[in-house]
ModelCIF file with pLDDT and N, C-alpha, C, O atoms, coordinates in Angstrom:
data_MODEL
#
_entry.id   MODEL 
#
_entity.id                         1 
_entity.type                       polymer 
_entity.pdbx_number_of_molecules   1 
#
_entity_poly.entity_id                      1 
_entity_poly.type                           'polypeptide(L)' 
_entity_poly.nstd_linkage                   no 
_entity_poly.nstd_monomer                   no 
_entity_poly.pdbx_seq_one_letter_code       EIAFFTDAATRTATARTLEEVELYELGETQFQRLQFEDPSFGLAVMRT 
_entity_poly.pdbx_seq_one_letter_code_can   EIAFFTDAATRTATARTLEEVELYELGETQFQRLQFEDPSFGLAVMRT 
_entity_poly.pdbx_strand_id                 A 
#
loop_
_entity_poly_seq.entity_id 
_entity_poly_seq.num 
_entity_poly_seq.mon_id 
_entity_poly_seq.hetero 
1 1  GLU n 
1 2  ILE n 
1 3  ALA n 
1 4  PHE n 
1 5  PHE n 
1 6  THR n 
1 7  ASP n 
1 8  ALA n 
1 9  ALA n 
1 10 THR n 
1 11 ARG n 
1 12 THR n 
1 13 ALA n 
1 14 THR n 
1 15 ALA n 
1 16 ARG n 
1 17 THR n 
1 18 LEU n 
1 19 GLU n 
1 20 GLU n 
1 21 VAL n 
1 22 GLU n 
1 23 LEU n 
1 24 TYR n 
1 25 GLU n 
1 26 LEU n 
1 27 GLY n 
1 28 GLU n 
1 29 THR n 
1 30 GLN n 
1 31 PHE n 
1 32 GLN n 
1 33 ARG n 
1 34 LEU n 
1 35 GLN n 
1 36 PHE n 
1 37 GLU n 
1 38 ASP n 
1 39 PRO n 
1 40 SER n 
1 41 PHE n 
1 42 GLY n 
1 43 LEU n 
1 44 ALA n 
1 45 VAL n 
1 46 MET n 
1 47 ARG n 
1 48 THR n 
#
_struct_asym.id          A 
_struct_asym.entity_id   1 
#
loop_
_ma_qa_metric.id 
_ma_qa_metric.mode 
_ma_qa_metric.name 
_ma_qa_metric.software_group_id 
_ma_qa_metric.type 
1 global pLDDT . pLDDT 
2 local  pLDDT . pLDDT 
#
_ma_qa_metric_global.metric_id      1 
_ma_qa_metric_global.metric_value   84.12 
_ma_qa_metric_global.model_id       1 
_ma_qa_metric_global.ordinal_id     1 
#
loop_
_ma_qa_metric_local.label_asym_id 
_ma_qa_metric_local.label_comp_id 
_ma_qa_metric_local.label_seq_id 
_ma_qa_metric_local.metric_id 
_ma_qa_metric_local.metric_value 
_ma_qa_metric_local.model_id 
_ma_qa_metric_local.ordinal_id 
A GLU 1  2 83.00 1 1  
A ILE 2  2 78.00 1 2  
A ALA 3  2 74.00 1 3  
A PHE 4  2 76.00 1 4  
A PHE 5  2 76.00 1 5  
A THR 6  2 73.00 1 6  
A ASP 7  2 73.00 1 7  
A ALA 8  2 72.00 1 8  
A ALA 9  2 75.00 1 9  
A THR 10 2 83.00 1 10 
A ARG 11 2 87.00 1 11 
A THR 12 2 82.00 1 12 
A ALA 13 2 88.00 1 13 
A THR 14 2 92.00 1 14 
A ALA 15 2 94.00 1 15 
A ARG 16 2 94.00 1 16 
A THR 17 2 95.00 1 17 
A LEU 18 2 94.00 1 18 
A GLU 19 2 94.00 1 19 
A GLU 20 2 95.00 1 20 
A VAL 21 2 95.00 1 21 
A GLU 22 2 95.00 1 22 
A LEU 23 2 94.00 1 23 
A TYR 24 2 94.00 1 24 
A GLU 25 2 93.00 1 25 
A LEU 26 2 90.00 1 26 
A GLY 27 2 88.00 1 27 
A GLU 28 2 82.00 1 28 
A THR 29 2 85.00 1 29 
A GLN 30 2 87.00 1 30 
A PHE 31 2 86.00 1 31 
A GLN 32 2 83.00 1 32 
A ARG 33 2 83.00 1 33 
A LEU 34 2 83.00 1 34 
A GLN 35 2 80.00 1 35 
A PHE 36 2 78.00 1 36 
A GLU 37 2 76.00 1 37 
A ASP 38 2 78.00 1 38 
A PRO 39 2 76.00 1 39 
A SER 40 2 77.00 1 40 
A PHE 41 2 82.00 1 41 
A GLY 42 2 80.00 1 42 
A LEU 43 2 81.00 1 43 
A ALA 44 2 82.00 1 44 
A VAL 45 2 85.00 1 45 
A MET 46 2 83.00 1 46 
A ARG 47 2 82.00 1 47 
A THR 48 2 82.00 1 48 
#
loop_
_atom_site.group_PDB 
_atom_site.id 
_atom_site.type_symbol 
_atom_site.label_atom_id 
_atom_site.label_alt_id 
_atom_site.label_comp_id 
_atom_site.label_asym_id 
_atom_site.label_entity_id 
_atom_site.label_seq_id 
_atom_site.pdbx_PDB_ins_code 
_atom_site.Cartn_x 
_atom_site.Cartn_y 
_atom_site.Cartn_z 
_atom_site.occupancy 
_atom_site.B_iso_or_equiv 
_atom_site.pdbx_formal_charge 
_atom_site.auth_seq_id 
_atom_site.auth_comp_id 
_atom_site.auth_asym_id 
_atom_site.auth_atom_id 
_atom_site.pdbx_PDB_model_num 
ATOM 1   N N  . GLU A 1 1  ? 7.460  6.147   -26.376 1.00 83.00 ? 1  GLU A N  1 
ATOM 2   C CA . GLU A 1 1  ? 6.615  7.224   -25.733 1.00 83.00 ? 1  GLU A CA 1 
ATOM 3   C C  . GLU A 1 1  ? 6.721  8.433   -26.563 1.00 83.00 ? 1  GLU A C  1 
ATOM 4   O O  . GLU A 1 1  ? 5.748  9.187   -26.595 1.00 83.00 ? 1  GLU A O  1 
ATOM 5   N N  . ILE A 1 2  ? 7.854  8.737   -27.289 1.00 78.00 ? 2  ILE A N  1 
ATOM 6   C CA . ILE A 1 2  ? 8.006  10.004  -27.974 1.00 78.00 ? 2  ILE A CA 1 
ATOM 7   C C  . ILE A 1 2  ? 6.903  10.318  -28.985 1.00 78.00 ? 2  ILE A C  1 
ATOM 8   O O  . ILE A 1 2  ? 6.400  11.430  -29.144 1.00 78.00 ? 2  ILE A O  1 
ATOM 9   N N  . ALA A 1 3  ? 6.576  9.152   -29.677 1.00 74.00 ? 3  ALA A N  1 
ATOM 10  C CA . ALA A 1 3  ? 5.488  9.513   -30.759 1.00 74.00 ? 3  ALA A CA 1 
ATOM 11  C C  . ALA A 1 3  ? 4.180  9.902   -30.261 1.00 74.00 ? 3  ALA A C  1 
ATOM 12  O O  . ALA A 1 3  ? 3.393  10.367  -31.086 1.00 74.00 ? 3  ALA A O  1 
ATOM 13  N N  . PHE A 1 4  ? 3.778  9.779   -28.925 1.00 76.00 ? 4  PHE A N  1 
ATOM 14  C CA . PHE A 1 4  ? 2.683  10.387  -28.320 1.00 76.00 ? 4  PHE A CA 1 
ATOM 15  C C  . PHE A 1 4  ? 2.619  11.915  -28.290 1.00 76.00 ? 4  PHE A C  1 
ATOM 16  O O  . PHE A 1 4  ? 1.576  12.558  -28.173 1.00 76.00 ? 4  PHE A O  1 
ATOM 17  N N  . PHE A 1 5  ? 3.844  12.422  -28.407 1.00 76.00 ? 5  PHE A N  1 
ATOM 18  C CA . PHE A 1 5  ? 4.035  13.978  -28.240 1.00 76.00 ? 5  PHE A CA 1 
ATOM 19  C C  . PHE A 1 5  ? 4.445  14.601  -29.625 1.00 76.00 ? 5  PHE A C  1 
ATOM 20  O O  . PHE A 1 5  ? 5.071  15.660  -29.659 1.00 76.00 ? 5  PHE A O  1 
ATOM 21  N N  . THR A 1 6  ? 4.077  13.918  -30.782 1.00 73.00 ? 6  THR A N  1 
ATOM 22  C CA . THR A 1 6  ? 4.337  14.468  -32.037 1.00 73.00 ? 6  THR A CA 1 
ATOM 23  C C  . THR A 1 6  ? 3.056  14.719  -32.677 1.00 73.00 ? 6  THR A C  1 
ATOM 24  O O  . THR A 1 6  ? 2.059  14.036  -32.446 1.00 73.00 ? 6  THR A O  1 
ATOM 25  N N  . ASP A 1 7  ? 3.091  15.810  -33.570 1.00 73.00 ? 7  ASP A N  1 
ATOM 26  C CA . ASP A 1 7  ? 1.855  16.219  -34.212 1.00 73.00 ? 7  ASP A CA 1 
ATOM 27  C C  . ASP A 1 7  ? 1.533  15.017  -35.273 1.00 73.00 ? 7  ASP A C  1 
ATOM 28  O O  . ASP A 1 7  ? 0.353  14.745  -35.494 1.00 73.00 ? 7  ASP A O  1 
ATOM 29  N N  . ALA A 1 8  ? 2.464  14.378  -35.856 1.00 72.00 ? 8  ALA A N  1 
ATOM 30  C CA . ALA A 1 8  ? 2.071  13.451  -36.794 1.00 72.00 ? 8  ALA A CA 1 
ATOM 31  C C  . ALA A 1 8  ? 1.501  12.167  -36.248 1.00 72.00 ? 8  ALA A C  1 
ATOM 32  O O  . ALA A 1 8  ? 0.754  11.401  -36.858 1.00 72.00 ? 8  ALA A O  1 
ATOM 33  N N  . ALA A 1 9  ? 1.941  12.038  -35.052 1.00 75.00 ? 9  ALA A N  1 
ATOM 34  C CA . ALA A 1 9  ? 1.431  10.685  -34.241 1.00 75.00 ? 9  ALA A CA 1 
ATOM 35  C C  . ALA A 1 9  ? 1.931  9.511   -35.007 1.00 75.00 ? 9  ALA A C  1 
ATOM 36  O O  . ALA A 1 9  ? 1.128  8.607   -35.240 1.00 75.00 ? 9  ALA A O  1 
ATOM 37  N N  . THR A 1 10 ? 3.162  9.411   -35.429 1.00 83.00 ? 10 THR A N  1 
ATOM 38  C CA . THR A 1 10 ? 3.748  8.322   -36.048 1.00 83.00 ? 10 THR A CA 1 
ATOM 39  C C  . THR A 1 10 ? 4.993  8.037   -35.282 1.00 83.00 ? 10 THR A C  1 
ATOM 40  O O  . THR A 1 10 ? 5.498  8.810   -34.469 1.00 83.00 ? 10 THR A O  1 
ATOM 41  N N  . ARG A 1 11 ? 5.480  6.768   -35.635 1.00 87.00 ? 11 ARG A N  1 
ATOM 42  C CA . ARG A 1 11 ? 6.785  6.384   -34.908 1.00 87.00 ? 11 ARG A CA 1 
ATOM 43  C C  . ARG A 1 11 ? 7.985  7.004   -35.587 1.00 87.00 ? 11 ARG A C  1 
ATOM 44  O O  . ARG A 1 11 ? 8.095  7.069   -36.812 1.00 87.00 ? 11 ARG A O  1 
ATOM 45  N N  . THR A 1 12 ? 8.837  7.434   -34.766 1.00 82.00 ? 12 THR A N  1 
ATOM 46  C CA . THR A 1 12 ? 9.936  8.211   -35.056 1.00 82.00 ? 12 THR A CA 1 
ATOM 47  C C  . THR A 1 12 ? 11.271 7.081   -35.309 1.00 82.00 ? 12 THR A C  1 
ATOM 48  O O  . THR A 1 12 ? 12.341 7.481   -35.767 1.00 82.00 ? 12 THR A O  1 
ATOM 49  N N  . ALA A 1 13 ? 11.069 5.843   -34.996 1.00 88.00 ? 13 ALA A N  1 
ATOM 50  C CA . ALA A 1 13 ? 12.180 4.944   -35.105 1.00 88.00 ? 13 ALA A CA 1 
ATOM 51  C C  . ALA A 1 13 ? 11.589 3.422   -35.178 1.00 88.00 ? 13 ALA A C  1 
ATOM 52  O O  . ALA A 1 13 ? 10.399 3.226   -34.931 1.00 88.00 ? 13 ALA A O  1 
ATOM 53  N N  . THR A 1 14 ? 12.254 2.614   -35.442 1.00 92.00 ? 14 THR A N  1 
ATOM 54  C CA . THR A 1 14 ? 11.978 0.994   -35.391 1.00 92.00 ? 14 THR A CA 1 
ATOM 55  C C  . THR A 1 14 ? 12.544 0.540   -34.201 1.00 92.00 ? 14 THR A C  1 
ATOM 56  O O  . THR A 1 14 ? 13.634 0.918   -33.771 1.00 92.00 ? 14 THR A O  1 
ATOM 57  N N  . ALA A 1 15 ? 11.702 -0.383  -33.593 1.00 94.00 ? 15 ALA A N  1 
ATOM 58  C CA . ALA A 1 15 ? 12.081 -1.073  -32.332 1.00 94.00 ? 15 ALA A CA 1 
ATOM 59  C C  . ALA A 1 15 ? 12.057 -2.498  -32.543 1.00 94.00 ? 15 ALA A C  1 
ATOM 60  O O  . ALA A 1 15 ? 11.033 -3.093  -32.878 1.00 94.00 ? 15 ALA A O  1 
ATOM 61  N N  . ARG A 1 16 ? 13.285 -3.108  -32.331 1.00 94.00 ? 16 ARG A N  1 
ATOM 62  C CA . ARG A 1 16 ? 13.414 -4.636  -32.543 1.00 94.00 ? 16 ARG A CA 1 
ATOM 63  C C  . ARG A 1 16 ? 13.923 -5.227  -31.155 1.00 94.00 ? 16 ARG A C  1 
ATOM 64  O O  . ARG A 1 16 ? 14.695 -4.560  -30.466 1.00 94.00 ? 16 ARG A O  1 
ATOM 65  N N  . THR A 1 17 ? 13.527 -6.359  -30.790 1.00 95.00 ? 17 THR A N  1 
ATOM 66  C CA . THR A 1 17 ? 13.981 -7.147  -29.745 1.00 95.00 ? 17 THR A CA 1 
ATOM 67  C C  . THR A 1 17 ? 15.197 -7.819  -29.871 1.00 95.00 ? 17 THR A C  1 
ATOM 68  O O  . THR A 1 17 ? 15.266 -8.563  -30.849 1.00 95.00 ? 17 THR A O  1 
ATOM 69  N N  . LEU A 1 18 ? 16.309 -7.751  -29.044 1.00 94.00 ? 18 LEU A N  1 
ATOM 70  C CA . LEU A 1 18 ? 17.618 -8.357  -29.164 1.00 94.00 ? 18 LEU A CA 1 
ATOM 71  C C  . LEU A 1 18 ? 17.517 -9.807  -28.510 1.00 94.00 ? 18 LEU A C  1 
ATOM 72  O O  . LEU A 1 18 ? 18.389 -10.632 -28.781 1.00 94.00 ? 18 LEU A O  1 
ATOM 73  N N  . GLU A 1 19 ? 16.541 -10.109 -27.713 1.00 94.00 ? 19 GLU A N  1 
ATOM 74  C CA . GLU A 1 19 ? 16.340 -11.357 -27.113 1.00 94.00 ? 19 GLU A CA 1 
ATOM 75  C C  . GLU A 1 19 ? 14.898 -11.425 -26.670 1.00 94.00 ? 19 GLU A C  1 
ATOM 76  O O  . GLU A 1 19 ? 14.131 -10.471 -26.797 1.00 94.00 ? 19 GLU A O  1 
ATOM 77  N N  . GLU A 1 20 ? 14.564 -12.569 -26.153 1.00 95.00 ? 20 GLU A N  1 
ATOM 78  C CA . GLU A 1 20 ? 13.182 -12.708 -25.627 1.00 95.00 ? 20 GLU A CA 1 
ATOM 79  C C  . GLU A 1 20 ? 12.993 -11.568 -24.603 1.00 95.00 ? 20 GLU A C  1 
ATOM 80  O O  . GLU A 1 20 ? 13.860 -11.338 -23.760 1.00 95.00 ? 20 GLU A O  1 
ATOM 81  N N  . VAL A 1 21 ? 11.945 -10.918 -24.678 1.00 95.00 ? 21 VAL A N  1 
ATOM 82  C CA . VAL A 1 21 ? 11.643 -9.907  -23.770 1.00 95.00 ? 21 VAL A CA 1 
ATOM 83  C C  . VAL A 1 21 ? 10.226 -10.054 -23.210 1.00 95.00 ? 21 VAL A C  1 
ATOM 84  O O  . VAL A 1 21 ? 9.341  -10.646 -23.829 1.00 95.00 ? 21 VAL A O  1 
ATOM 85  N N  . GLU A 1 22 ? 10.033 -9.429  -21.883 1.00 95.00 ? 22 GLU A N  1 
ATOM 86  C CA . GLU A 1 22 ? 8.767  -9.413  -21.117 1.00 95.00 ? 22 GLU A CA 1 
ATOM 87  C C  . GLU A 1 22 ? 8.320  -7.987  -21.224 1.00 95.00 ? 22 GLU A C  1 
ATOM 88  O O  . GLU A 1 22 ? 9.047  -7.160  -20.674 1.00 95.00 ? 22 GLU A O  1 
ATOM 89  N N  . LEU A 1 23 ? 7.215  -7.548  -21.859 1.00 94.00 ? 23 LEU A N  1 
ATOM 90  C CA . LEU A 1 23 ? 6.884  -6.216  -22.138 1.00 94.00 ? 23 LEU A CA 1 
ATOM 91  C C  . LEU A 1 23 ? 5.469  -6.128  -21.501 1.00 94.00 ? 23 LEU A C  1 
ATOM 92  O O  . LEU A 1 23 ? 4.727  -7.092  -21.312 1.00 94.00 ? 23 LEU A O  1 
ATOM 93  N N  . TYR A 1 24 ? 5.175  -4.694  -21.165 1.00 94.00 ? 24 TYR A N  1 
ATOM 94  C CA . TYR A 1 24 ? 3.915  -4.313  -20.686 1.00 94.00 ? 24 TYR A CA 1 
ATOM 95  C C  . TYR A 1 24 ? 3.478  -3.056  -21.594 1.00 94.00 ? 24 TYR A C  1 
ATOM 96  O O  . TYR A 1 24 ? 4.123  -2.008  -21.641 1.00 94.00 ? 24 TYR A O  1 
ATOM 97  N N  . GLU A 1 25 ? 2.325  -3.302  -22.288 1.00 93.00 ? 25 GLU A N  1 
ATOM 98  C CA . GLU A 1 25 ? 1.840  -2.325  -23.309 1.00 93.00 ? 25 GLU A CA 1 
ATOM 99  C C  . GLU A 1 25 ? 0.835  -1.569  -22.519 1.00 93.00 ? 25 GLU A C  1 
ATOM 100 O O  . GLU A 1 25 ? 0.040  -2.087  -21.735 1.00 93.00 ? 25 GLU A O  1 
ATOM 101 N N  . LEU A 1 26 ? 0.950  -0.104  -22.831 1.00 90.00 ? 26 LEU A N  1 
ATOM 102 C CA . LEU A 1 26 ? -0.146 0.795   -22.369 1.00 90.00 ? 26 LEU A CA 1 
ATOM 103 C C  . LEU A 1 26 ? -0.624 1.663   -23.521 1.00 90.00 ? 26 LEU A C  1 
ATOM 104 O O  . LEU A 1 26 ? 0.143  2.321   -24.224 1.00 90.00 ? 26 LEU A O  1 
ATOM 105 N N  . GLY A 1 27 ? -1.882 1.622   -23.659 1.00 88.00 ? 27 GLY A N  1 
ATOM 106 C CA . GLY A 1 27 ? -2.533 2.371   -24.724 1.00 88.00 ? 27 GLY A CA 1 
ATOM 107 C C  . GLY A 1 27 ? -2.478 3.906   -24.375 1.00 88.00 ? 27 GLY A C  1 
ATOM 108 O O  . GLY A 1 27 ? -2.194 4.335   -23.257 1.00 88.00 ? 27 GLY A O  1 
ATOM 109 N N  . GLU A 1 28 ? -2.783 4.670   -25.463 1.00 82.00 ? 28 GLU A N  1 
ATOM 110 C CA . GLU A 1 28 ? -2.792 6.150   -25.403 1.00 82.00 ? 28 GLU A CA 1 
ATOM 111 C C  . GLU A 1 28 ? -3.826 6.607   -24.241 1.00 82.00 ? 28 GLU A C  1 
ATOM 112 O O  . GLU A 1 28 ? -3.530 7.433   -23.377 1.00 82.00 ? 28 GLU A O  1 
ATOM 113 N N  . THR A 1 29 ? -4.964 6.017   -24.329 1.00 85.00 ? 29 THR A N  1 
ATOM 114 C CA . THR A 1 29 ? -5.962 6.611   -23.386 1.00 85.00 ? 29 THR A CA 1 
ATOM 115 C C  . THR A 1 29 ? -5.438 6.271   -22.026 1.00 85.00 ? 29 THR A C  1 
ATOM 116 O O  . THR A 1 29 ? -5.351 7.251   -21.285 1.00 85.00 ? 29 THR A O  1 
ATOM 117 N N  . GLN A 1 30 ? -5.057 5.097   -21.501 1.00 87.00 ? 30 GLN A N  1 
ATOM 118 C CA . GLN A 1 30 ? -4.420 4.717   -20.280 1.00 87.00 ? 30 GLN A CA 1 
ATOM 119 C C  . GLN A 1 30 ? -3.461 5.413   -19.894 1.00 87.00 ? 30 GLN A C  1 
ATOM 120 O O  . GLN A 1 30 ? -3.301 5.729   -18.715 1.00 87.00 ? 30 GLN A O  1 
ATOM 121 N N  . PHE A 1 31 ? -2.577 5.795   -20.982 1.00 86.00 ? 31 PHE A N  1 
ATOM 122 C CA . PHE A 1 31 ? -1.448 6.759   -20.719 1.00 86.00 ? 31 PHE A CA 1 
ATOM 123 C C  . PHE A 1 31 ? -1.728 8.236   -20.338 1.00 86.00 ? 31 PHE A C  1 
ATOM 124 O O  . PHE A 1 31 ? -1.059 8.824   -19.488 1.00 86.00 ? 31 PHE A O  1 
ATOM 125 N N  . GLN A 1 32 ? -2.702 8.769   -20.983 1.00 83.00 ? 32 GLN A N  1 
ATOM 126 C CA . GLN A 1 32 ? -3.244 9.924   -20.555 1.00 83.00 ? 32 GLN A CA 1 
ATOM 127 C C  . GLN A 1 32 ? -3.970 10.133  -19.279 1.00 83.00 ? 32 GLN A C  1 
ATOM 128 O O  . GLN A 1 32 ? -3.977 11.200  -18.665 1.00 83.00 ? 32 GLN A O  1 
ATOM 129 N N  . ARG A 1 33 ? -4.664 8.899   -18.869 1.00 83.00 ? 33 ARG A N  1 
ATOM 130 C CA . ARG A 1 33 ? -5.183 8.985   -17.562 1.00 83.00 ? 33 ARG A CA 1 
ATOM 131 C C  . ARG A 1 33 ? -4.247 8.787   -16.525 1.00 83.00 ? 33 ARG A C  1 
ATOM 132 O O  . ARG A 1 33 ? -4.434 9.400   -15.474 1.00 83.00 ? 33 ARG A O  1 
ATOM 133 N N  . LEU A 1 34 ? -3.132 7.933   -16.650 1.00 83.00 ? 34 LEU A N  1 
ATOM 134 C CA . LEU A 1 34 ? -2.263 7.928   -15.661 1.00 83.00 ? 34 LEU A CA 1 
ATOM 135 C C  . LEU A 1 34 ? -1.412 9.106   -15.347 1.00 83.00 ? 34 LEU A C  1 
ATOM 136 O O  . LEU A 1 34 ? -0.945 9.321   -14.229 1.00 83.00 ? 34 LEU A O  1 
ATOM 137 N N  . GLN A 1 35 ? -1.218 9.929   -16.495 1.00 80.00 ? 35 GLN A N  1 
ATOM 138 C CA . GLN A 1 35 ? -0.614 11.249  -16.251 1.00 80.00 ? 35 GLN A CA 1 
ATOM 139 C C  . GLN A 1 35 ? -1.370 12.156  -15.376 1.00 80.00 ? 35 GLN A C  1 
ATOM 140 O O  . GLN A 1 35 ? -0.856 12.878  -14.522 1.00 80.00 ? 35 GLN A O  1 
ATOM 141 N N  . PHE A 1 36 ? -2.697 12.067  -15.658 1.00 78.00 ? 36 PHE A N  1 
ATOM 142 C CA . PHE A 1 36 ? -3.490 12.914  -14.796 1.00 78.00 ? 36 PHE A CA 1 
ATOM 143 C C  . PHE A 1 36 ? -3.644 12.321  -13.470 1.00 78.00 ? 36 PHE A C  1 
ATOM 144 O O  . PHE A 1 36 ? -3.611 13.133  -12.546 1.00 78.00 ? 36 PHE A O  1 
ATOM 145 N N  . GLU A 1 37 ? -3.814 11.028  -13.147 1.00 76.00 ? 37 GLU A N  1 
ATOM 146 C CA . GLU A 1 37 ? -3.922 10.513  -11.918 1.00 76.00 ? 37 GLU A CA 1 
ATOM 147 C C  . GLU A 1 37 ? -2.685 10.473  -10.967 1.00 76.00 ? 37 GLU A C  1 
ATOM 148 O O  . GLU A 1 37 ? -2.778 10.544  -9.741  1.00 76.00 ? 37 GLU A O  1 
ATOM 149 N N  . ASP A 1 38 ? -1.451 10.345  -11.699 1.00 78.00 ? 38 ASP A N  1 
ATOM 150 C CA . ASP A 1 38 ? -0.266 10.259  -11.041 1.00 78.00 ? 38 ASP A CA 1 
ATOM 151 C C  . ASP A 1 38 ? 0.808  11.142  -11.514 1.00 78.00 ? 38 ASP A C  1 
ATOM 152 O O  . ASP A 1 38 ? 1.577  10.722  -12.379 1.00 78.00 ? 38 ASP A O  1 
ATOM 153 N N  . PRO A 1 39 ? 0.949  12.459  -10.978 1.00 76.00 ? 39 PRO A N  1 
ATOM 154 C CA . PRO A 1 39 ? 1.948  13.338  -11.500 1.00 76.00 ? 39 PRO A CA 1 
ATOM 155 C C  . PRO A 1 39 ? 3.348  12.770  -11.465 1.00 76.00 ? 39 PRO A C  1 
ATOM 156 O O  . PRO A 1 39 ? 4.128  12.998  -12.389 1.00 76.00 ? 39 PRO A O  1 
ATOM 157 N N  . SER A 1 40 ? 3.656  12.095  -10.503 1.00 77.00 ? 40 SER A N  1 
ATOM 158 C CA . SER A 1 40 ? 4.962  11.462  -10.470 1.00 77.00 ? 40 SER A CA 1 
ATOM 159 C C  . SER A 1 40 ? 5.277  10.643  -11.769 1.00 77.00 ? 40 SER A C  1 
ATOM 160 O O  . SER A 1 40 ? 6.413  10.644  -12.243 1.00 77.00 ? 40 SER A O  1 
ATOM 161 N N  . PHE A 1 41 ? 4.219  9.929   -12.343 1.00 82.00 ? 41 PHE A N  1 
ATOM 162 C CA . PHE A 1 41 ? 4.412  9.285   -13.397 1.00 82.00 ? 41 PHE A CA 1 
ATOM 163 C C  . PHE A 1 41 ? 4.710  10.213  -14.656 1.00 82.00 ? 41 PHE A C  1 
ATOM 164 O O  . PHE A 1 41 ? 5.691  10.121  -15.394 1.00 82.00 ? 41 PHE A O  1 
ATOM 165 N N  . GLY A 1 42 ? 3.706  11.090  -14.747 1.00 80.00 ? 42 GLY A N  1 
ATOM 166 C CA . GLY A 1 42 ? 3.873  12.195  -15.804 1.00 80.00 ? 42 GLY A CA 1 
ATOM 167 C C  . GLY A 1 42 ? 5.346  12.875  -15.885 1.00 80.00 ? 42 GLY A C  1 
ATOM 168 O O  . GLY A 1 42 ? 5.969  13.108  -16.920 1.00 80.00 ? 42 GLY A O  1 
ATOM 169 N N  . LEU A 1 43 ? 5.724  13.117  -14.662 1.00 81.00 ? 43 LEU A N  1 
ATOM 170 C CA . LEU A 1 43 ? 7.117  13.899  -14.505 1.00 81.00 ? 43 LEU A CA 1 
ATOM 171 C C  . LEU A 1 43 ? 8.083  12.993  -15.160 1.00 81.00 ? 43 LEU A C  1 
ATOM 172 O O  . LEU A 1 43 ? 8.872  13.396  -16.016 1.00 81.00 ? 43 LEU A O  1 
ATOM 173 N N  . ALA A 1 44 ? 8.011  11.593  -14.699 1.00 82.00 ? 44 ALA A N  1 
ATOM 174 C CA . ALA A 1 44 ? 9.021  10.601  -15.176 1.00 82.00 ? 44 ALA A CA 1 
ATOM 175 C C  . ALA A 1 44 ? 9.048  10.552  -16.585 1.00 82.00 ? 44 ALA A C  1 
ATOM 176 O O  . ALA A 1 44 ? 10.127 10.569  -17.178 1.00 82.00 ? 44 ALA A O  1 
ATOM 177 N N  . VAL A 1 45 ? 7.948  10.492  -17.194 1.00 85.00 ? 45 VAL A N  1 
ATOM 178 C CA . VAL A 1 45 ? 7.717  10.434  -18.685 1.00 85.00 ? 45 VAL A CA 1 
ATOM 179 C C  . VAL A 1 45 ? 8.424  11.645  -19.388 1.00 85.00 ? 45 VAL A C  1 
ATOM 180 O O  . VAL A 1 45 ? 9.205  11.518  -20.331 1.00 85.00 ? 45 VAL A O  1 
ATOM 181 N N  . MET A 1 46 ? 8.059  12.821  -18.823 1.00 83.00 ? 46 MET A N  1 
ATOM 182 C CA . MET A 1 46 ? 8.694  14.054  -19.354 1.00 83.00 ? 46 MET A CA 1 
ATOM 183 C C  . MET A 1 46 ? 10.052 14.168  -19.250 1.00 83.00 ? 46 MET A C  1 
ATOM 184 O O  . MET A 1 46 ? 10.695 14.696  -20.158 1.00 83.00 ? 46 MET A O  1 
ATOM 185 N N  . ARG A 1 47 ? 10.600 13.720  -18.210 1.00 82.00 ? 47 ARG A N  1 
ATOM 186 C CA . ARG A 1 47 ? 12.030 13.636  -17.901 1.00 82.00 ? 47 ARG A CA 1 
ATOM 187 C C  . ARG A 1 47 ? 12.851 12.773  -18.835 1.00 82.00 ? 47 ARG A C  1 
ATOM 188 O O  . ARG A 1 47 ? 13.932 13.130  -19.305 1.00 82.00 ? 47 ARG A O  1 
ATOM 189 N N  . THR A 1 48 ? 12.232 11.546  -19.085 1.00 82.00 ? 48 THR A N  1 
ATOM 190 C CA . THR A 1 48 ? 12.803 10.542  -19.972 1.00 82.00 ? 48 THR A CA 1 
ATOM 191 C C  . THR A 1 48 ? 12.727 11.200  -21.600 1.00 82.00 ? 48 THR A C  1 
ATOM 192 O O  . THR A 1 48 ? 13.151 10.544  -22.551 1.00 82.00 ? 48 THR A O  1 
#
């Protein structure tokens, strides 16, 4: 999520799975819409 808030819009680190994982992917457009529609989600992201 941090890369969404940088001017360069690039990843600041590498992420690697340590075991089989279940992921849920959210695109930037959906991310922006969720922040607008659900303030509790936006606050949770900013706190993180």
